[in-house]
């Protein structure tokens, strides 16, 4: 789905295309995701949750001036968000 959304856009991609691209049936996609929007939400969560978890872990154990941690997290986020996937 990510590959197709990246190439064709969300509106230009159908669940049938996603299923075919993944080698699955359309029913298999709907078994895990009730809609194309839910599938996109899952992709976003897969990308964002690890970043948020890492940020919270670094912040929770840091003591003192928060600026160095904020700089590290901003750099990490920029690096990861630069990846098209």
PDB file of N, CA and C in Angstrom:
ATOM      1  N   UNK A   1       0.830  -1.192   0.000  1.00  0.00           N
ATOM      2  CA  UNK A   1       0.000   0.000   0.000  1.00  0.00           C
ATOM      3  C   UNK A   1       0.872   1.253   0.000  1.00  0.00           C
ATOM      4  N   UNK A   2       1.915   1.231   0.794  1.00  0.00           N
ATOM      5  CA  UNK A   2       2.788   2.406   0.872  1.00  0.00           C
ATOM      6  C   UNK A   2       3.392   2.720  -0.490  1.00  0.00           C
ATOM      7  N   UNK A   3       3.845   1.706  -1.175  1.00  0.00           N
ATOM      8  CA  UNK A   3       4.431   1.908  -2.497  1.00  0.00           C
ATOM      9  C   UNK A   3       3.404   2.516  -3.454  1.00  0.00           C
ATOM     10  N   UNK A   4       2.212   1.988  -3.461  1.00  0.00           N
ATOM     11  CA  UNK A   4       1.172   2.501  -4.358  1.00  0.00           C
ATOM     12  C   UNK A   4       0.729   3.906  -3.964  1.00  0.00           C
ATOM     13  N   UNK A   5       0.540   4.146  -2.670  1.00  0.00           N
ATOM     14  CA  UNK A   5       0.164   5.488  -2.223  1.00  0.00           C
ATOM     15  C   UNK A   5       1.239   6.501  -2.611  1.00  0.00           C
ATOM     16  N   UNK A   6       2.491   6.093  -2.500  1.00  0.00           N
ATOM     17  CA  UNK A   6       3.596   6.993  -2.847  1.00  0.00           C
ATOM     18  C   UNK A   6       3.613   7.310  -4.340  1.00  0.00           C
ATOM     19  N   UNK A   7       3.329   6.320  -5.152  1.00  0.00           N
ATOM     20  CA  UNK A   7       3.389   6.516  -6.603  1.00  0.00           C
ATOM     21  C   UNK A   7       2.120   7.115  -7.189  1.00  0.00           C
ATOM     22  N   UNK A   8       0.957   6.655  -6.706  1.00  0.00           N
ATOM     23  CA  UNK A   8      -0.302   7.029  -7.334  1.00  0.00           C
ATOM     24  C   UNK A   8      -1.163   7.968  -6.489  1.00  0.00           C
ATOM     25  N   UNK A   9      -0.762   8.169  -5.236  1.00  0.00           N
ATOM     26  CA  UNK A   9      -1.583   8.972  -4.338  1.00  0.00           C
ATOM     27  C   UNK A   9      -2.658   8.132  -3.679  1.00  0.00           C
ATOM     28  N   UNK A  10      -3.185   8.657  -2.593  1.00  0.00           N
ATOM     29  CA  UNK A  10      -4.224   7.935  -1.860  1.00  0.00           C
ATOM     30  C   UNK A  10      -5.472   7.772  -2.722  1.00  0.00           C
ATOM     31  N   UNK A  11      -5.939   8.861  -3.319  1.00  0.00           N
ATOM     32  CA  UNK A  11      -7.166   8.817  -4.119  1.00  0.00           C
ATOM     33  C   UNK A  11      -6.999   7.966  -5.380  1.00  0.00           C
ATOM     34  N   UNK A  12      -5.781   7.903  -5.905  1.00  0.00           N
ATOM     35  CA  UNK A  12      -5.538   7.162  -7.130  1.00  0.00           C
ATOM     36  C   UNK A  12      -5.271   5.682  -6.939  1.00  0.00           C
ATOM     37  N   UNK A  13      -5.326   5.223  -5.706  1.00  0.00           N
ATOM     38  CA  UNK A  13      -5.053   3.817  -5.387  1.00  0.00           C
ATOM     39  C   UNK A  13      -6.317   3.152  -4.877  1.00  0.00           C
ATOM     40  N   UNK A  14      -6.612   1.979  -5.392  1.00  0.00           N
ATOM     41  CA  UNK A  14      -7.774   1.226  -4.919  1.00  0.00           C
ATOM     42  C   UNK A  14      -7.319   0.075  -4.021  1.00  0.00           C
ATOM     43  N   UNK A  15      -8.233  -0.403  -3.214  1.00  0.00           N
ATOM     44  CA  UNK A  15      -7.936  -1.562  -2.370  1.00  0.00           C
ATOM     45  C   UNK A  15      -7.642  -2.773  -3.244  1.00  0.00           C
ATOM     46  N   UNK A  16      -8.303  -2.871  -4.360  1.00  0.00           N
ATOM     47  CA  UNK A  16      -8.037  -3.982  -5.288  1.00  0.00           C
ATOM     48  C   UNK A  16      -6.590  -3.927  -5.792  1.00  0.00           C
ATOM     49  N   UNK A  17      -6.098  -2.751  -6.117  1.00  0.00           N
ATOM     50  CA  UNK A  17      -4.705  -2.603  -6.558  1.00  0.00           C
ATOM     51  C   UNK A  17      -3.739  -2.977  -5.436  1.00  0.00           C
ATOM     52  N   UNK A  18      -4.059  -2.556  -4.223  1.00  0.00           N
ATOM     53  CA  UNK A  18      -3.212  -2.874  -3.065  1.00  0.00           C
ATOM     54  C   UNK A  18      -3.140  -4.385  -2.881  1.00  0.00           C
ATOM     55  N   UNK A  19      -4.289  -5.033  -2.938  1.00  0.00           N
ATOM     56  CA  UNK A  19      -4.341  -6.493  -2.779  1.00  0.00           C
ATOM     57  C   UNK A  19      -3.526  -7.192  -3.862  1.00  0.00           C
ATOM     58  N   UNK A  20      -3.706  -6.782  -5.085  1.00  0.00           N
ATOM     59  CA  UNK A  20      -2.978  -7.396  -6.204  1.00  0.00           C
ATOM     60  C   UNK A  20      -1.472  -7.186  -6.031  1.00  0.00           C
ATOM     61  N   UNK A  21      -1.072  -5.966  -5.650  1.00  0.00           N
ATOM     62  CA  UNK A  21       0.345  -5.635  -5.451  1.00  0.00           C
ATOM     63  C   UNK A  21       0.957  -6.494  -4.330  1.00  0.00           C
ATOM     64  N   UNK A  22       0.159  -6.787  -3.322  1.00  0.00           N
ATOM     65  CA  UNK A  22       0.633  -7.578  -2.181  1.00  0.00           C
ATOM     66  C   UNK A  22       0.481  -9.076  -2.394  1.00  0.00           C
ATOM     67  N   UNK A  23      -0.156  -9.463  -3.489  1.00  0.00           N
ATOM     68  CA  UNK A  23      -0.373 -10.880  -3.740  1.00  0.00           C
ATOM     69  C   UNK A  23      -1.451 -11.470  -2.847  1.00  0.00           C
ATOM     70  N   UNK A  24      -2.417 -10.637  -2.504  1.00  0.00           N
ATOM     71  CA  UNK A  24      -3.506 -11.059  -1.629  1.00  0.00           C
ATOM     72  C   UNK A  24      -4.845 -10.837  -2.313  1.00  0.00           C
ATOM     73  N   UNK A  25      -5.876 -11.387  -1.703  1.00  0.00           N
ATOM     74  CA  UNK A  25      -7.220 -11.085  -2.191  1.00  0.00           C
ATOM     75  C   UNK A  25      -7.695  -9.796  -1.525  1.00  0.00           C
ATOM     76  N   UNK A  26      -8.665  -9.168  -2.151  1.00  0.00           N
ATOM     77  CA  UNK A  26      -9.248  -7.954  -1.570  1.00  0.00           C
ATOM     78  C   UNK A  26      -9.870  -8.285  -0.203  1.00  0.00           C
ATOM     79  N   UNK A  27     -10.457  -9.451  -0.091  1.00  0.00           N
ATOM     80  CA  UNK A  27     -11.068  -9.865   1.179  1.00  0.00           C
ATOM     81  C   UNK A  27     -10.021  -9.964   2.283  1.00  0.00           C
ATOM     82  N   UNK A  28      -8.817 -10.395   1.943  1.00  0.00           N
ATOM     83  CA  UNK A  28      -7.748 -10.499   2.937  1.00  0.00           C
ATOM     84  C   UNK A  28      -7.376  -9.126   3.482  1.00  0.00           C
ATOM     85  N   UNK A  29      -7.356  -8.130   2.613  1.00  0.00           N
ATOM     86  CA  UNK A  29      -7.071  -6.768   3.061  1.00  0.00           C
ATOM     87  C   UNK A  29      -8.152  -6.322   4.038  1.00  0.00           C
ATOM     88  N   UNK A  30      -9.416  -6.538   3.662  1.00  0.00           N
ATOM     89  CA  UNK A  30     -10.528  -6.116   4.515  1.00  0.00           C
ATOM     90  C   UNK A  30     -10.628  -6.922   5.804  1.00  0.00           C
ATOM     91  N   UNK A  31      -9.987  -8.066   5.859  1.00  0.00           N
ATOM     92  CA  UNK A  31      -9.954  -8.847   7.102  1.00  0.00           C
ATOM     93  C   UNK A  31      -9.196  -8.086   8.191  1.00  0.00           C
ATOM     94  N   UNK A  32      -8.159  -7.347   7.786  1.00  0.00           N
ATOM     95  CA  UNK A  32      -7.323  -6.618   8.740  1.00  0.00           C
ATOM     96  C   UNK A  32      -7.625  -5.125   8.801  1.00  0.00           C
ATOM     97  N   UNK A  33      -8.124  -4.573   7.701  1.00  0.00           N
ATOM     98  CA  UNK A  33      -8.397  -3.138   7.631  1.00  0.00           C
ATOM     99  C   UNK A  33      -9.810  -2.929   7.087  1.00  0.00           C
ATOM    100  N   UNK A  34     -10.681  -2.276   7.860  1.00  0.00           N
ATOM    101  CA  UNK A  34     -12.062  -2.112   7.401  1.00  0.00           C
ATOM    102  C   UNK A  34     -12.220  -1.146   6.224  1.00  0.00           C
ATOM    103  N   UNK A  35     -11.179  -0.354   5.945  1.00  0.00           N
ATOM    104  CA  UNK A  35     -11.264   0.605   4.844  1.00  0.00           C
ATOM    105  C   UNK A  35      -9.862   0.981   4.373  1.00  0.00           C
ATOM    106  N   UNK A  36      -9.817   1.642   3.239  1.00  0.00           N
ATOM    107  CA  UNK A  36      -8.536   2.132   2.728  1.00  0.00           C
ATOM    108  C   UNK A  36      -7.970   3.185   3.691  1.00  0.00           C
ATOM    109  N   UNK A  37      -8.845   3.996   4.269  1.00  0.00           N
ATOM    110  CA  UNK A  37      -8.418   5.002   5.242  1.00  0.00           C
ATOM    111  C   UNK A  37      -7.793   4.333   6.474  1.00  0.00           C
ATOM    112  N   UNK A  38      -8.357   3.237   6.932  1.00  0.00           N
ATOM    113  CA  UNK A  38      -7.806   2.509   8.082  1.00  0.00           C
ATOM    114  C   UNK A  38      -6.427   1.943   7.751  1.00  0.00           C
ATOM    115  N   UNK A  39      -6.252   1.502   6.526  1.00  0.00           N
ATOM    116  CA  UNK A  39      -4.948   0.995   6.095  1.00  0.00           C
ATOM    117  C   UNK A  39      -3.917   2.135   6.123  1.00  0.00           C
ATOM    118  N   UNK A  40      -4.292   3.305   5.613  1.00  0.00           N
ATOM    119  CA  UNK A  40      -3.393   4.462   5.650  1.00  0.00           C
ATOM    120  C   UNK A  40      -3.074   4.857   7.091  1.00  0.00           C
ATOM    121  N   UNK A  41      -4.067   4.833   7.943  1.00  0.00           N
ATOM    122  CA  UNK A  41      -3.853   5.141   9.362  1.00  0.00           C
ATOM    123  C   UNK A  41      -2.853   4.161   9.969  1.00  0.00           C
ATOM    124  N   UNK A  42      -2.961   2.898   9.617  1.00  0.00           N
ATOM    125  CA  UNK A  42      -2.014   1.896  10.100  1.00  0.00           C
ATOM    126  C   UNK A  42      -0.599   2.169   9.630  1.00  0.00           C
ATOM    127  N   UNK A  43      -0.455   2.596   8.390  1.00  0.00           N
ATOM    128  CA  UNK A  43       0.878   2.928   7.867  1.00  0.00           C
ATOM    129  C   UNK A  43       1.470   4.128   8.605  1.00  0.00           C
ATOM    130  N   UNK A  44       0.651   5.124   8.852  1.00  0.00           N
ATOM    131  CA  UNK A  44       1.119   6.315   9.573  1.00  0.00           C
ATOM    132  C   UNK A  44       1.523   5.934  10.989  1.00  0.00           C
ATOM    133  N   UNK A  45       0.704   5.148  11.650  1.00  0.00           N
ATOM    134  CA  UNK A  45       1.043   4.713  13.020  1.00  0.00           C
ATOM    135  C   UNK A  45       2.346   3.925  13.037  1.00  0.00           C
ATOM    136  N   UNK A  46       2.520   3.066  12.056  1.00  0.00           N
ATOM    137  CA  UNK A  46       3.748   2.264  11.988  1.00  0.00           C
ATOM    138  C   UNK A  46       4.981   3.158  11.869  1.00  0.00           C
ATOM    139  N   UNK A  47       4.834   4.283  11.214  1.00  0.00           N
ATOM    140  CA  UNK A  47       5.965   5.196  11.040  1.00  0.00           C
ATOM    141  C   UNK A  47       6.151   6.122  12.239  1.00  0.00           C
ATOM    142  N   UNK A  48       5.073   6.570  12.846  1.00  0.00           N
ATOM    143  CA  UNK A  48       5.140   7.608  13.884  1.00  0.00           C
ATOM    144  C   UNK A  48       5.320   7.051  15.290  1.00  0.00           C
ATOM    145  N   UNK A  49       4.677   5.954  15.608  1.00  0.00           N
ATOM    146  CA  UNK A  49       4.741   5.424  16.980  1.00  0.00           C
ATOM    147  C   UNK A  49       6.168   5.134  17.436  1.00  0.00           C
ATOM    148  N   UNK A  50       7.015   4.487  16.633  1.00  0.00           N
ATOM    149  CA  UNK A  50       8.388   4.272  17.099  1.00  0.00           C
ATOM    150  C   UNK A  50       9.137   5.580  17.370  1.00  0.00           C
ATOM    151  N   UNK A  51       8.903   6.597  16.548  1.00  0.00           N
ATOM    152  CA  UNK A  51       9.533   7.898  16.789  1.00  0.00           C
ATOM    153  C   UNK A  51       9.061   8.499  18.106  1.00  0.00           C
ATOM    154  N   UNK A  52       7.770   8.441  18.345  1.00  0.00           N
ATOM    155  CA  UNK A  52       7.218   8.986  19.586  1.00  0.00           C
ATOM    156  C   UNK A  52       7.715   8.211  20.797  1.00  0.00           C
ATOM    157  N   UNK A  53       7.755   6.892  20.698  1.00  0.00           N
ATOM    158  CA  UNK A  53       8.245   6.077  21.811  1.00  0.00           C
ATOM    159  C   UNK A  53       9.699   6.388  22.133  1.00  0.00           C
ATOM    160  N   UNK A  54      10.511   6.524  21.092  1.00  0.00           N
ATOM    161  CA  UNK A  54      11.924   6.835  21.306  1.00  0.00           C
ATOM    162  C   UNK A  54      12.088   8.216  21.927  1.00  0.00           C
ATOM    163  N   UNK A  55      11.312   9.179  21.452  1.00  0.00           N
ATOM    164  CA  UNK A  55      11.380  10.533  22.013  1.00  0.00           C
ATOM    165  C   UNK A  55      11.001  10.524  23.484  1.00  0.00           C
ATOM    166  N   UNK A  56       9.931   9.830  23.823  1.00  0.00           N
ATOM    167  CA  UNK A  56       9.502   9.765  25.224  1.00  0.00           C
ATOM    168  C   UNK A  56      10.552   9.073  26.100  1.00  0.00           C
ATOM    169  N   UNK A  57      11.170   8.029  25.582  1.00  0.00           N
ATOM    170  CA  UNK A  57      12.205   7.325  26.354  1.00  0.00           C
ATOM    171  C   UNK A  57      13.397   8.238  26.611  1.00  0.00           C
ATOM    172  N   UNK A  58      13.831   8.971  25.592  1.00  0.00           N
ATOM    173  CA  UNK A  58      14.978   9.868  25.764  1.00  0.00           C
ATOM    174  C   UNK A  58      14.652  11.015  26.710  1.00  0.00           C
ATOM    175  N   UNK A  59      13.459  11.552  26.585  1.00  0.00           N
ATOM    176  CA  UNK A  59      13.072  12.679  27.433  1.00  0.00           C
ATOM    177  C   UNK A  59      12.907  12.240  28.881  1.00  0.00           C
ATOM    178  N   UNK A  60      12.323  11.073  29.095  1.00  0.00           N
ATOM    179  CA  UNK A  60      12.032  10.640  30.461  1.00  0.00           C
ATOM    180  C   UNK A  60      13.288  10.357  31.278  1.00  0.00           C
ATOM    181  N   UNK A  61      14.384   9.988  30.627  1.00  0.00           N
ATOM    182  CA  UNK A  61      15.590   9.687  31.387  1.00  0.00           C
ATOM    183  C   UNK A  61      16.597  10.839  31.367  1.00  0.00           C
ATOM    184  N   UNK A  62      16.252  11.945  30.723  1.00  0.00           N
ATOM    185  CA  UNK A  62      17.168  13.086  30.644  1.00  0.00           C
ATOM    186  C   UNK A  62      16.958  14.012  31.836  1.00  0.00           C
ATOM    187  N   UNK A  63      18.068  14.496  32.360  1.00  0.00           N
ATOM    188  CA  UNK A  63      18.020  15.474  33.446  1.00  0.00           C
ATOM    189  C   UNK A  63      18.815  16.693  33.008  1.00  0.00           C
ATOM    190  N   UNK A  64      18.366  17.840  33.422  1.00  0.00           N
ATOM    191  CA  UNK A  64      19.106  19.056  33.101  1.00  0.00           C
ATOM    192  C   UNK A  64      18.504  19.806  31.930  1.00  0.00           C
ATOM    193  N   UNK A  65      19.352  20.547  31.262  1.00  0.00           N
ATOM    194  CA  UNK A  65      18.944  21.393  30.145  1.00  0.00           C
ATOM    195  C   UNK A  65      18.319  20.534  29.042  1.00  0.00           C
ATOM    196  N   UNK A  66      17.087  20.803  28.648  1.00  0.00           N
ATOM    197  CA  UNK A  66      16.427  19.973  27.636  1.00  0.00           C
ATOM    198  C   UNK A  66      16.873  20.264  26.204  1.00  0.00           C
ATOM    199  N   UNK A  67      17.577  21.357  25.989  1.00  0.00           N
ATOM    200  CA  UNK A  67      17.924  21.740  24.615  1.00  0.00           C
ATOM    201  C   UNK A  67      18.746  20.685  23.871  1.00  0.00           C
ATOM    202  N   UNK A  68      19.740  20.057  24.484  1.00  0.00           N
ATOM    203  CA  UNK A  68      20.485  19.025  23.730  1.00  0.00           C
ATOM    204  C   UNK A  68      19.600  17.857  23.281  1.00  0.00           C
ATOM    205  N   UNK A  69      18.692  17.450  24.140  1.00  0.00           N
ATOM    206  CA  UNK A  69      17.794  16.336  23.782  1.00  0.00           C
ATOM    207  C   UNK A  69      16.837  16.775  22.677  1.00  0.00           C
ATOM    208  N   UNK A  70      16.345  17.992  22.768  1.00  0.00           N
ATOM    209  CA  UNK A  70      15.441  18.500  21.732  1.00  0.00           C
ATOM    210  C   UNK A  70      16.157  18.553  20.387  1.00  0.00           C
ATOM    211  N   UNK A  71      17.411  18.999  20.376  1.00  0.00           N
ATOM    212  CA  UNK A  71      18.185  19.028  19.133  1.00  0.00           C
ATOM    213  C   UNK A  71      18.377  17.614  18.567  1.00  0.00           C
ATOM    214  N   UNK A  72      18.718  16.673  19.453  1.00  0.00           N
ATOM    215  CA  UNK A  72      18.898  15.281  19.006  1.00  0.00           C
ATOM    216  C   UNK A  72      17.606  14.733  18.397  1.00  0.00           C
ATOM    217  N   UNK A  73      16.505  14.966  19.085  1.00  0.00           N
ATOM    218  CA  UNK A  73      15.221  14.449  18.611  1.00  0.00           C
ATOM    219  C   UNK A  73      14.806  15.109  17.301  1.00  0.00           C
ATOM    220  N   UNK A  74      15.060  16.396  17.161  1.00  0.00           N
ATOM    221  CA  UNK A  74      14.726  17.082  15.905  1.00  0.00           C
ATOM    222  C   UNK A  74      15.559  16.516  14.763  1.00  0.00           C
ATOM    223  N   UNK A  75      16.833  16.279  15.011  1.00  0.00           N
ATOM    224  CA  UNK A  75      17.690  15.696  13.980  1.00  0.00           C
ATOM    225  C   UNK A  75      17.259  14.290  13.616  1.00  0.00           C
ATOM    226  N   UNK A  76      16.922  13.505  14.617  1.00  0.00           N
ATOM    227  CA  UNK A  76      16.467  12.136  14.383  1.00  0.00           C
ATOM    228  C   UNK A  76      15.172  12.135  13.576  1.00  0.00           C
ATOM    229  N   UNK A  77      14.248  12.988  13.957  1.00  0.00           N
ATOM    230  CA  UNK A  77      12.971  13.058  13.248  1.00  0.00           C
ATOM    231  C   UNK A  77      13.180  13.493  11.798  1.00  0.00           C
ATOM    232  N   UNK A  78      14.018  14.497  11.591  1.00  0.00           N
ATOM    233  CA  UNK A  78      14.278  14.974  10.230  1.00  0.00           C
ATOM    234  C   UNK A  78      14.897  13.868   9.383  1.00  0.00           C
ATOM    235  N   UNK A  79      15.804  13.136   9.970  1.00  0.00           N
ATOM    236  CA  UNK A  79      16.476  12.038   9.247  1.00  0.00           C
ATOM    237  C   UNK A  79      15.468  10.964   8.854  1.00  0.00           C
ATOM    238  N   UNK A  80      14.639  10.580   9.786  1.00  0.00           N
ATOM    239  CA  UNK A  80      13.680   9.505   9.504  1.00  0.00           C
ATOM    240  C   UNK A  80      12.559   9.951   8.585  1.00  0.00           C
ATOM    241  N   UNK A  81      12.129  11.196   8.730  1.00  0.00           N
ATOM    242  CA  UNK A  81      11.051  11.682   7.865  1.00  0.00           C
ATOM    243  C   UNK A  81      11.535  11.978   6.448  1.00  0.00           C
ATOM    244  N   UNK A  82      12.835  12.106   6.270  1.00  0.00           N
ATOM    245  CA  UNK A  82      13.390  12.318   4.929  1.00  0.00           C
ATOM    246  C   UNK A  82      13.290  11.046   4.085  1.00  0.00           C
ATOM    247  N   UNK A  83      13.193   9.910   4.748  1.00  0.00           N
ATOM    248  CA  UNK A  83      13.028   8.642   4.035  1.00  0.00           C
ATOM    249  C   UNK A  83      11.615   8.616   3.441  1.00  0.00           C
ATOM    250  N   UNK A  84      11.480   8.446   2.138  1.00  0.00           N
ATOM    251  CA  UNK A  84      10.154   8.478   1.523  1.00  0.00           C
ATOM    252  C   UNK A  84       9.178   7.431   2.075  1.00  0.00           C
ATOM    253  N   UNK A  85       9.695   6.349   2.592  1.00  0.00           N
ATOM    254  CA  UNK A  85       8.813   5.329   3.156  1.00  0.00           C
ATOM    255  C   UNK A  85       8.445   5.659   4.581  1.00  0.00           C
TER     256      UNK A  85
END
